[in-house]
PDB file of N, CA and C in Angstrom:
ATOM      1  N   MET A   1      -8.369  -2.275  -7.145  1.00  0.00           N
ATOM      2  CA  MET A   1      -6.815  -1.946  -7.265  1.00  0.00           C
ATOM      3  C   MET A   1      -6.163  -2.803  -7.578  1.00  0.00           C
ATOM      4  N   GLU A   2      -5.120  -2.487  -7.753  1.00  0.00           N
ATOM      5  CA  GLU A   2      -4.231  -3.577  -9.225  1.00  0.00           C
ATOM      6  C   GLU A   2      -3.126  -3.726  -7.530  1.00  0.00           C
ATOM      7  N   ILE A   3      -3.085  -5.215  -7.195  1.00  0.00           N
ATOM      8  CA  ILE A   3      -2.083  -5.288  -6.004  1.00  0.00           C
ATOM      9  C   ILE A   3      -0.877  -6.062  -6.940  1.00  0.00           C
ATOM     10  N   LYS A   4       0.251  -6.494  -7.116  1.00  0.00           N
ATOM     11  CA  LYS A   4       1.361  -7.403  -7.395  1.00  0.00           C
ATOM     12  C   LYS A   4       2.668  -7.474  -6.588  1.00  0.00           C
ATOM     13  N   LYS A   5       2.339  -9.492  -6.141  1.00  0.00           N
ATOM     14  CA  LYS A   5       3.642  -9.190  -5.782  1.00  0.00           C
ATOM     15  C   LYS A   5       4.996  -9.241  -6.385  1.00  0.00           C
ATOM     16  N   VAL A   6       5.951  -9.089  -6.254  1.00  0.00           N
ATOM     17  CA  VAL A   6       6.964  -7.978  -6.640  1.00  0.00           C
ATOM     18  C   VAL A   6       8.051  -9.266  -6.324  1.00  0.00           C
ATOM     19  N   ALA A   7       7.796  -9.824  -5.045  1.00  0.00           N
ATOM     20  CA  ALA A   7       9.113 -10.754  -4.130  1.00  0.00           C
ATOM     21  C   ALA A   7       8.255 -11.584  -3.184  1.00  0.00           C
ATOM     22  N   GLU A   8       9.358 -12.245  -2.182  1.00  0.00           N
ATOM     23  CA  GLU A   8       8.307 -12.980  -1.410  1.00  0.00           C
ATOM     24  C   GLU A   8       8.046 -12.024  -0.225  1.00  0.00           C
ATOM     25  N   ASN A   9       7.134 -11.583   0.598  1.00  0.00           N
ATOM     26  CA  ASN A   9       6.573 -10.515   0.843  1.00  0.00           C
ATOM     27  C   ASN A   9       6.616  -8.817   0.929  1.00  0.00           C
ATOM     28  N   THR A  10       6.753  -9.502  -0.205  1.00  0.00           N
ATOM     29  CA  THR A  10       7.200  -7.451  -0.567  1.00  0.00           C
ATOM     30  C   THR A  10       5.433  -7.445  -1.755  1.00  0.00           C
ATOM     31  N   TRP A  11       4.108  -6.438  -2.045  1.00  0.00           N
ATOM     32  CA  TRP A  11       3.752  -6.517  -3.083  1.00  0.00           C
ATOM     33  C   TRP A  11       3.860  -4.847  -3.111  1.00  0.00           C
ATOM     34  N   MET A  12       3.535  -4.561  -4.213  1.00  0.00           N
ATOM     35  CA  MET A  12       3.653  -3.155  -4.931  1.00  0.00           C
ATOM     36  C   MET A  12       1.995  -2.929  -5.204  1.00  0.00           C
ATOM     37  N   ILE A  13       1.691  -1.532  -5.888  1.00  0.00           N
ATOM     38  CA  ILE A  13       0.095  -1.299  -6.071  1.00  0.00           C
ATOM     39  C   ILE A  13       0.610  -0.103  -6.877  1.00  0.00           C
ATOM     40  N   PRO A  14       1.006  -0.469  -8.704  1.00  0.00           N
ATOM     41  CA  PRO A  14       1.536   0.022  -9.678  1.00  0.00           C
ATOM     42  C   PRO A  14       0.865   1.722  -9.002  1.00  0.00           C
ATOM     43  N   GLN A  15       2.053   2.722  -9.833  1.00  0.00           N
ATOM     44  CA  GLN A  15       1.575   4.326  -9.547  1.00  0.00           C
ATOM     45  C   GLN A  15       0.317   4.420 -10.837  1.00  0.00           C
ATOM     46  N   THR A  16      -0.593   5.070 -10.748  1.00  0.00           N
ATOM     47  CA  THR A  16      -1.729   5.338 -11.538  1.00  0.00           C
ATOM     48  C   THR A  16      -1.773   7.016 -11.795  1.00  0.00           C
ATOM     49  N   ALA A  17      -2.582   7.214 -12.848  1.00  0.00           N
ATOM     50  CA  ALA A  17      -2.689   8.044 -13.335  1.00  0.00           C
ATOM     51  C   ALA A  17      -2.959   9.493 -11.650  1.00  0.00           C
ATOM     52  N   ARG A  18      -3.312   9.285 -10.763  1.00  0.00           N
ATOM     53  CA  ARG A  18      -3.404  10.250  -9.932  1.00  0.00           C
ATOM     54  C   ARG A  18      -2.267  10.055  -8.252  1.00  0.00           C
ATOM     55  N   MET A  19      -2.096   8.569  -8.227  1.00  0.00           N
ATOM     56  CA  MET A  19      -0.933   8.518  -7.590  1.00  0.00           C
ATOM     57  C   MET A  19       1.094   9.497  -8.062  1.00  0.00           C
ATOM     58  N   LYS A  20       1.624   9.499  -7.270  1.00  0.00           N
ATOM     59  CA  LYS A  20       2.834  10.027  -7.848  1.00  0.00           C
ATOM     60  C   LYS A  20       3.812   9.280  -7.800  1.00  0.00           C
ATOM     61  N   VAL A  21       3.759   8.194  -6.691  1.00  0.00           N
ATOM     62  CA  VAL A  21       4.623   7.559  -6.894  1.00  0.00           C
ATOM     63  C   VAL A  21       4.022   6.143  -6.735  1.00  0.00           C
ATOM     64  N   PRO A  22       4.340   5.016  -6.859  1.00  0.00           N
ATOM     65  CA  PRO A  22       3.471   3.311  -6.286  1.00  0.00           C
ATOM     66  C   PRO A  22       4.069   2.965  -4.979  1.00  0.00           C
ATOM     67  N   SER A  23       2.942   2.184  -4.580  1.00  0.00           N
ATOM     68  CA  SER A  23       2.802   2.048  -3.057  1.00  0.00           C
ATOM     69  C   SER A  23       3.748   0.595  -2.821  1.00  0.00           C
ATOM     70  N   ILE A  24       4.221   0.592  -1.784  1.00  0.00           N
ATOM     71  CA  ILE A  24       5.076  -1.310  -2.049  1.00  0.00           C
ATOM     72  C   ILE A  24       4.461  -1.232  -0.713  1.00  0.00           C
ATOM     73  N   ILE A  25       3.609  -2.334   0.150  1.00  0.00           N
ATOM     74  CA  ILE A  25       3.392  -3.244   0.971  1.00  0.00           C
ATOM     75  C   ILE A  25       4.694  -4.567   1.284  1.00  0.00           C
ATOM     76  N   TYR A  26       4.646  -4.119   2.523  1.00  0.00           N
ATOM     77  CA  TYR A  26       6.004  -5.796   3.201  1.00  0.00           C
ATOM     78  C   TYR A  26       5.046  -6.757   4.086  1.00  0.00           C
ATOM     79  N   ALA A  27       4.368  -7.958   3.604  1.00  0.00           N
ATOM     80  CA  ALA A  27       3.489  -8.973   3.830  1.00  0.00           C
ATOM     81  C   ALA A  27       3.832  -9.968   3.853  1.00  0.00           C
ATOM     82  N   SER A  28       3.381 -10.735   4.423  1.00  0.00           N
ATOM     83  CA  SER A  28       3.523 -12.140   4.663  1.00  0.00           C
ATOM     84  C   SER A  28       2.153 -12.518   3.707  1.00  0.00           C
ATOM     85  N   ASP A  29       2.154 -13.460   3.171  1.00  0.00           N
ATOM     86  CA  ASP A  29       0.752 -13.774   2.019  1.00  0.00           C
ATOM     87  C   ASP A  29      -0.583 -13.745   3.265  1.00  0.00           C
ATOM     88  N   LYS A  30      -0.307 -14.654   4.445  1.00  0.00           N
ATOM     89  CA  LYS A  30      -1.339 -14.098   5.780  1.00  0.00           C
ATOM     90  C   LYS A  30      -1.927 -12.862   5.779  1.00  0.00           C
ATOM     91  N   LEU A  31      -0.517 -12.043   5.992  1.00  0.00           N
ATOM     92  CA  LEU A  31      -0.868 -10.728   6.344  1.00  0.00           C
ATOM     93  C   LEU A  31      -1.653 -10.373   5.579  1.00  0.00           C
ATOM     94  N   MET A  32      -1.611 -10.024   4.421  1.00  0.00           N
ATOM     95  CA  MET A  32      -1.715  -9.256   3.107  1.00  0.00           C
ATOM     96  C   MET A  32      -3.539  -9.949   2.641  1.00  0.00           C
ATOM     97  N   ASN A  33      -3.911 -11.381   3.353  1.00  0.00           N
ATOM     98  CA  ASN A  33      -4.957 -11.190   2.897  1.00  0.00           C
ATOM     99  C   ASN A  33      -5.730 -10.528   4.381  1.00  0.00           C
ATOM    100  N   SER A  34      -5.513 -10.578   5.671  1.00  0.00           N
ATOM    101  CA  SER A  34      -6.079  -9.499   6.466  1.00  0.00           C
ATOM    102  C   SER A  34      -5.899  -8.154   6.051  1.00  0.00           C
ATOM    103  N   ILE A  35      -4.397  -7.951   5.876  1.00  0.00           N
ATOM    104  CA  ILE A  35      -4.651  -6.777   4.957  1.00  0.00           C
ATOM    105  C   ILE A  35      -5.959  -6.196   4.414  1.00  0.00           C
ATOM    106  N   LYS A  36      -6.393  -6.610   3.906  1.00  0.00           N
ATOM    107  CA  LYS A  36      -6.892  -6.939   2.246  1.00  0.00           C
ATOM    108  C   LYS A  36      -8.630  -6.768   2.505  1.00  0.00           C
ATOM    109  N   GLN A  37      -8.844  -6.925   3.903  1.00  0.00           N
ATOM    110  CA  GLN A  37     -10.014  -7.362   4.781  1.00  0.00           C
ATOM    111  C   GLN A  37     -10.279  -5.358   5.246  1.00  0.00           C
ATOM    112  N   ASP A  38      -9.756  -4.607   5.127  1.00  0.00           N
ATOM    113  CA  ASP A  38     -10.124  -2.879   5.165  1.00  0.00           C
ATOM    114  C   ASP A  38      -9.035  -1.991   4.758  1.00  0.00           C
ATOM    115  N   ASN A  39      -9.189  -1.277   4.884  1.00  0.00           N
ATOM    116  CA  ASN A  39      -8.533   0.305   3.283  1.00  0.00           C
ATOM    117  C   ASN A  39      -8.063   0.745   4.445  1.00  0.00           C
ATOM    118  N   THR A  40      -6.939  -0.526   4.259  1.00  0.00           N
ATOM    119  CA  THR A  40      -4.943   0.071   4.743  1.00  0.00           C
ATOM    120  C   THR A  40      -4.836  -0.078   3.191  1.00  0.00           C
ATOM    121  N   LEU A  41      -5.360  -0.511   2.149  1.00  0.00           N
ATOM    122  CA  LEU A  41      -4.290  -0.422   1.070  1.00  0.00           C
ATOM    123  C   LEU A  41      -4.636   1.313   0.256  1.00  0.00           C
ATOM    124  N   GLN A  42      -6.069   1.282   0.649  1.00  0.00           N
ATOM    125  CA  GLN A  42      -6.820   3.000   0.470  1.00  0.00           C
ATOM    126  C   GLN A  42      -5.792   3.934   0.929  1.00  0.00           C
ATOM    127  N   GLN A  43      -5.756   3.334   2.058  1.00  0.00           N
ATOM    128  CA  GLN A  43      -4.756   4.602   2.530  1.00  0.00           C
ATOM    129  C   GLN A  43      -3.504   4.755   2.528  1.00  0.00           C
ATOM    130  N   VAL A  44      -2.794   3.294   1.876  1.00  0.00           N
ATOM    131  CA  VAL A  44      -1.037   3.483   1.530  1.00  0.00           C
ATOM    132  C   VAL A  44      -1.639   4.209  -0.216  1.00  0.00           C
ATOM    133  N   SER A  45      -2.439   3.941  -0.835  1.00  0.00           N
ATOM    134  CA  SER A  45      -2.121   4.477  -2.075  1.00  0.00           C
ATOM    135  C   SER A  45      -2.368   6.190  -2.169  1.00  0.00           C
ATOM    136  N   ASN A  46      -3.235   6.214  -0.737  1.00  0.00           N
ATOM    137  CA  ASN A  46      -4.117   7.560  -1.025  1.00  0.00           C
ATOM    138  C   ASN A  46      -2.485   8.664  -0.208  1.00  0.00           C
ATOM    139  N   VAL A  47      -1.420   7.837   0.468  1.00  0.00           N
ATOM    140  CA  VAL A  47      -0.374   8.914   0.661  1.00  0.00           C
ATOM    141  C   VAL A  47       0.689   8.962  -0.952  1.00  0.00           C
ATOM    142  N   ALA A  48       1.006   7.723  -1.700  1.00  0.00           N
ATOM    143  CA  ALA A  48       1.021   8.127  -2.865  1.00  0.00           C
ATOM    144  C   ALA A  48       0.899   8.815  -3.331  1.00  0.00           C
ATOM    145  N   CYS A  49       0.141   9.612  -3.304  1.00  0.00           N
ATOM    146  CA  CYS A  49      -0.907  11.023  -3.824  1.00  0.00           C
ATOM    147  C   CYS A  49      -0.416  12.649  -3.351  1.00  0.00           C
ATOM    148  N   LEU A  50       0.356  12.049  -2.500  1.00  0.00           N
ATOM    149  CA  LEU A  50       0.629  13.572  -1.892  1.00  0.00           C
ATOM    150  C   LEU A  50       2.012  14.480  -1.840  1.00  0.00           C
ATOM    151  N   LYS A  51       1.489  15.478  -2.133  1.00  0.00           N
ATOM    152  CA  LYS A  51       2.462  16.744  -3.090  1.00  0.00           C
ATOM    153  C   LYS A  51       4.393  16.343  -2.269  1.00  0.00           C
ATOM    154  N   GLY A  52       4.998  15.817  -2.575  1.00  0.00           N
ATOM    155  CA  GLY A  52       6.345  16.130  -2.079  1.00  0.00           C
ATOM    156  C   GLY A  52       6.828  14.666  -2.247  1.00  0.00           C
ATOM    157  N   ILE A  53       5.966  13.516  -1.884  1.00  0.00           N
ATOM    158  CA  ILE A  53       6.383  12.379  -2.185  1.00  0.00           C
ATOM    159  C   ILE A  53       7.875  12.190  -2.866  1.00  0.00           C
ATOM    160  N   GLN A  54       8.835  11.301  -2.438  1.00  0.00           N
ATOM    161  CA  GLN A  54      10.055  10.690  -3.502  1.00  0.00           C
ATOM    162  C   GLN A  54       9.692   9.348  -3.051  1.00  0.00           C
ATOM    163  N   ARG A  55       9.587   8.740  -4.407  1.00  0.00           N
ATOM    164  CA  ARG A  55      10.212   7.159  -4.971  1.00  0.00           C
ATOM    165  C   ARG A  55       9.014   6.216  -4.480  1.00  0.00           C
ATOM    166  N   ALA A  56       8.515   5.634  -3.185  1.00  0.00           N
ATOM    167  CA  ALA A  56       7.418   5.223  -3.119  1.00  0.00           C
ATOM    168  C   ALA A  56       6.309   5.478  -1.312  1.00  0.00           C
ATOM    169  N   SER A  57       5.169   5.055  -1.754  1.00  0.00           N
ATOM    170  CA  SER A  57       4.390   4.999  -0.459  1.00  0.00           C
ATOM    171  C   SER A  57       4.864   3.578   0.381  1.00  0.00           C
ATOM    172  N   TYR A  58       4.926   3.884   1.276  1.00  0.00           N
ATOM    173  CA  TYR A  58       5.505   2.468   1.763  1.00  0.00           C
ATOM    174  C   TYR A  58       4.654   1.613   3.573  1.00  0.00           C
ATOM    175  N   ALA A  59       4.365   0.650   2.857  1.00  0.00           N
ATOM    176  CA  ALA A  59       3.794   0.160   4.244  1.00  0.00           C
ATOM    177  C   ALA A  59       4.041  -1.224   4.937  1.00  0.00           C
ATOM    178  N   MET A  60       4.722  -0.984   5.899  1.00  0.00           N
ATOM    179  CA  MET A  60       5.186  -2.127   7.050  1.00  0.00           C
ATOM    180  C   MET A  60       4.392  -3.221   7.186  1.00  0.00           C
ATOM    181  N   PRO A  61       5.233  -4.281   7.769  1.00  0.00           N
ATOM    182  CA  PRO A  61       3.886  -5.489   8.312  1.00  0.00           C
ATOM    183  C   PRO A  61       2.703  -5.112   9.240  1.00  0.00           C
ATOM    184  N   ASP A  62       3.209  -4.086  10.019  1.00  0.00           N
ATOM    185  CA  ASP A  62       2.009  -3.454  11.275  1.00  0.00           C
ATOM    186  C   ASP A  62       1.354  -2.553  10.519  1.00  0.00           C
ATOM    187  N   ALA A  63       1.081  -2.355   9.635  1.00  0.00           N
ATOM    188  CA  ALA A  63       0.491  -1.936   8.858  1.00  0.00           C
ATOM    189  C   ALA A  63      -1.617  -1.975   8.799  1.00  0.00           C
ATOM    190  N   HIS A  64      -1.769  -1.146   9.748  1.00  0.00           N
ATOM    191  CA  HIS A  64      -3.941  -1.090   9.442  1.00  0.00           C
ATOM    192  C   HIS A  64      -4.486  -0.255   9.707  1.00  0.00           C
ATOM    193  N   GLN A  65      -5.699  -0.181   8.990  1.00  0.00           N
ATOM    194  CA  GLN A  65      -6.709   0.974   9.087  1.00  0.00           C
ATOM    195  C   GLN A  65      -6.481   1.986  10.201  1.00  0.00           C
ATOM    196  N   GLY A  66      -6.685   3.060  10.105  1.00  0.00           N
ATOM    197  CA  GLY A  66      -6.368   4.539  11.025  1.00  0.00           C
ATOM    198  C   GLY A  66      -7.574   3.749  11.630  1.00  0.00           C
ATOM    199  N   TYR A  67      -8.063   4.847  12.844  1.00  0.00           N
ATOM    200  CA  TYR A  67      -9.244   4.780  13.511  1.00  0.00           C
ATOM    201  C   TYR A  67      -9.931   5.648  12.590  1.00  0.00           C
ATOM    202  N   LEU A  68     -11.237   5.727  12.462  1.00  0.00           N
ATOM    203  CA  LEU A  68     -12.614   6.352  11.839  1.00  0.00           C
ATOM    204  C   LEU A  68     -13.079   6.472  12.878  1.00  0.00           C
ATOM    205  N   ALA A  69     -13.873   8.413  12.649  1.00  0.00           N
ATOM    206  CA  ALA A  69     -14.227   9.359  13.380  1.00  0.00           C
ATOM    207  C   ALA A  69     -15.681   8.601  13.401  1.00  0.00           C
TER     208      ALA A  69
END
């Protein structure tokens, strides 16, 4: 998955053919390294595929992987 740093504490997963909008993640470099260790980025990009989404899928600094059953 391509991840671009677009500003200090702002990252973007560019829109792909499957995604309806890009994903924007707000996180420091340290926090982003932690986020990359689980499925958080996959979840943010999955939200970008949902019907009716507008502009972007956003992940705030407290983003984390959801619970696995």
